[in-house]
Amino acid sequence: MPAMDSEEFEQLVVEALESLPEPFAAYLDNVEVIVSRRPSREQRRALGLKPWQTAYGMYEGVPYPERTSGMLVLPDTIVIFQEPLARDFPSAGELRDQVRRTVLHEIAHLFGISDERLRQLGAS
């Protein structure tokens, strides 16, 4: 499969977001979803990644269960990393499926679901 340009990849992310059921989509009003080529040094550090490890996405923010009434919070951010996804999922169908899975995984963090719990559910 030829390399996917950034616009085509971003469209996969949009499709994943548009596929969310309305009750969940309503919680994303204050969430910025960004596509980045790869994790920055700071993001790799924040994720605790070793040099040989990679990440497909990242959630930055205060999960809903940790918020208190009256708490002022900045908009949450979900970052989807194009290069690692495109490298590890070279077919168009696999890439589309994994982009959706990654978007859902990062949204789960917004709701306070940990990586450990996602693994237990078979959703990591």
Protein backbone atom coordinates (compact mmCIF):
# COMPACT_ATOMS: atom_id res chain seq x y z
CA MET A 1 0.00 0.00 0.00
CA PRO A 2 1.43 3.41 -0.92
CA ALA A 3 2.11 5.81 1.93
CA MET A 4 -1.01 7.58 3.16
CA ASP A 5 -0.86 11.36 3.19
CA SER A 6 -1.82 13.33 6.27
CA GLU A 7 -5.24 14.37 4.91
CA GLU A 8 -6.24 10.76 4.21
CA PHE A 9 -5.04 9.71 7.66
CA GLU A 10 -6.90 12.57 9.34
CA GLN A 11 -10.04 11.40 7.54
CA LEU A 12 -9.68 8.00 9.24
CA VAL A 13 -9.64 9.79 12.61
CA VAL A 14 -12.72 11.85 11.64
CA GLU A 15 -14.53 8.67 10.59
CA ALA A 16 -13.72 7.06 13.94
CA LEU A 17 -15.07 10.09 15.80
CA GLU A 18 -18.20 10.28 13.65
CA SER A 19 -18.93 6.62 14.35
CA LEU A 20 -19.35 7.26 18.08
CA PRO A 21 -22.85 6.90 19.50
CA GLU A 22 -24.34 10.33 20.26
CA PRO A 23 -24.33 9.91 24.06
CA PHE A 24 -20.54 9.48 23.98
CA ALA A 25 -19.89 12.07 21.28
CA ALA A 26 -21.56 14.73 23.46
CA TYR A 27 -18.74 14.32 26.01
CA LEU A 28 -16.16 15.34 23.40
CA ASP A 29 -17.30 18.97 23.11
CA ASN A 30 -14.30 20.18 25.11
CA VAL A 31 -11.80 17.69 23.64
CA GLU A 32 -9.33 18.60 20.94
CA VAL A 33 -8.29 15.67 18.73
CA ILE A 34 -4.96 16.17 16.99
CA VAL A 35 -3.01 14.08 14.50
CA SER A 36 0.75 14.21 14.91
CA ARG A 37 3.45 12.46 12.89
CA ARG A 38 5.04 10.81 15.94
CA PRO A 39 5.34 11.37 19.69
CA SER A 40 7.65 14.22 20.70
CA ARG A 41 10.41 13.70 23.27
CA GLU A 42 8.20 15.28 25.92
CA GLN A 43 5.26 13.05 25.01
CA ARG A 44 7.48 9.94 25.04
CA ARG A 45 8.73 10.97 28.48
CA ALA A 46 5.19 11.59 29.75
CA LEU A 47 4.13 8.16 28.48
CA GLY A 48 7.17 6.51 30.06
CA LEU A 49 8.26 4.95 26.77
CA LYS A 50 11.56 3.14 26.41
CA PRO A 51 13.61 3.91 23.25
CA TRP A 52 12.33 0.77 21.48
CA GLN A 53 8.68 1.31 22.43
CA THR A 54 6.10 3.29 20.52
CA ALA A 55 2.65 4.75 21.06
CA TYR A 56 -0.33 5.08 18.75
CA GLY A 57 -2.11 7.72 20.76
CA MET A 58 -2.10 9.81 23.92
CA TYR A 59 -4.72 11.39 26.18
CA GLU A 60 -3.80 14.60 28.01
CA GLY A 61 -6.20 16.07 30.50
CA VAL A 62 -8.17 15.46 33.67
CA PRO A 63 -10.40 12.37 33.35
CA TYR A 64 -14.06 12.93 34.19
CA PRO A 65 -13.99 10.83 37.39
CA GLU A 66 -11.19 13.00 38.81
CA ARG A 67 -13.00 16.28 38.28
CA THR A 68 -14.76 18.05 41.10
CA SER A 69 -17.60 20.54 40.88
CA GLY A 70 -16.40 24.03 40.20
CA MET A 71 -13.02 22.73 39.00
CA LEU A 72 -11.67 24.72 36.07
CA VAL A 73 -9.97 22.47 33.55
CA LEU A 74 -8.26 23.15 30.28
CA PRO A 75 -9.64 21.39 27.22
CA ASP A 76 -8.61 17.74 27.05
CA THR A 77 -6.42 16.64 24.16
CA ILE A 78 -6.23 13.35 22.33
CA VAL A 79 -3.25 12.94 20.02
CA ILE A 80 -3.18 10.21 17.38
CA PHE A 81 0.30 9.38 16.01
CA GLN A 82 0.29 8.72 12.26
CA GLU A 83 3.75 7.23 11.63
CA PRO A 84 3.65 4.34 14.11
CA LEU A 85 0.12 3.40 13.06
CA ALA A 86 0.89 3.53 9.32
CA ARG A 87 4.12 1.55 9.85
CA ASP A 88 2.56 -1.21 11.98
CA PHE A 89 -0.71 -1.52 10.02
CA PRO A 90 0.23 -1.34 6.33
CA SER A 91 -3.07 -2.46 4.79
CA ALA A 92 -5.86 0.09 4.44
CA GLY A 93 -8.39 -2.07 6.32
CA GLU A 94 -6.04 -2.85 9.20
CA LEU A 95 -5.06 0.80 9.50
CA ARG A 96 -8.68 1.98 9.53
CA ASP A 97 -9.54 -0.57 12.24
CA GLN A 98 -6.52 0.31 14.39
CA VAL A 99 -7.08 4.07 14.07
CA ARG A 100 -10.64 3.55 15.33
CA ARG A 101 -9.40 1.29 18.13
CA THR A 102 -6.79 3.88 19.11
CA VAL A 103 -9.30 6.73 19.12
CA LEU A 104 -11.67 4.68 21.30
CA HIS A 105 -8.78 3.71 23.60
CA GLU A 106 -7.84 7.35 24.18
CA ILE A 107 -11.49 8.34 24.72
CA ALA A 108 -11.68 5.60 27.36
CA HIS A 109 -8.93 7.44 29.28
CA LEU A 110 -11.14 10.57 29.24
CA PHE A 111 -13.68 8.49 31.17
CA GLY A 112 -11.02 7.36 33.64
CA ILE A 113 -10.46 3.85 32.28
CA SER A 114 -6.84 2.80 32.80
CA ASP A 115 -4.61 0.87 30.39
CA GLU A 116 -4.69 -2.04 32.84
CA ARG A 117 -8.50 -2.13 32.81
CA LEU A 118 -8.55 -1.84 29.00
CA ARG A 119 -6.21 -4.86 28.83
CA GLN A 120 -8.54 -6.79 31.14
CA LEU A 121 -11.43 -5.96 28.82
CA GLY A 122 -9.41 -7.00 25.76
CA ALA A 123 -9.57 -3.45 24.42
CA SER A 124 -5.97 -2.31 24.62
